[in-house]
Amino acid sequence: MYKKLLAFAVGATLSVSASATITYTQYDFGNQDISGWFVQRDDNKAISNYRIQVHGQYVSANFQPFGQESNIVSANVTHNGDGPTSFVLFDVLNEVYTETLRVTFESGTMGYSAFYEQRINPAYFRPGYDVHDAKVSAFAGVTESAVNSAMALEMSSNVGYIDGINHIVPTHRVPEPATLGLLVIGAVGVAGATRRRKISE
């Protein structure tokens, strides 16, 4: 009985301390096409919060977490987890248009490319309505900055995410062909060594 209570107490203490030690990194955009920032957790690379603005010809979009009307829909990181998380955002603009922003980071770097798309929602479609596709930025970069302490506390009290944002743990990209090749060579080498050992025995 006492052992069970002790185990429960230790588990509860560890879970509390784990949630209290969540750390974050903020990445800032700073060019004529995209401004704003996003925050990701350091442990699982999930996007915890963001405020992003897109600027350009016929484009003036604002993205921030707002449940089913504006949110992150997918995320992925490089196979080794280096660099910022790539992600896709959407925003429903006045119920008429849906805006999508895809930000893709190069493997293990701070450089990204971005693609903005605005599409008319089917219920509001009329002949002659435009669909605006725009590659708003190519191979720009982000910079790291400190996360506001009040925001970090708010996110940590909500299991590591700002209120209203989808809790998406990023998937990992498939390794590049070169990495796969090295894995195959390693596997063949291990198999060969095992076979030689058996023959010598």
Foldseek 3Di string as FASTA:
>chain_A
DVVVVVVVVVVVVVVVVVLVPWDKWKKFDDDPAKGWIWIATPPLLWTFWTWMFGDDVVGTDIATFAAPAKAWDAWEAEQVRADHIWTKIWHQDVVFKIKIKTWADDHRFQWIWMKIWIDGDPVNDDPPDDIDIDRRGHGDGIDIDHDDPVVQVCCSVVSRHHPRYDGYRHHYDDDDPVVVVVVVVVVVVVVVVVVVVVVVD
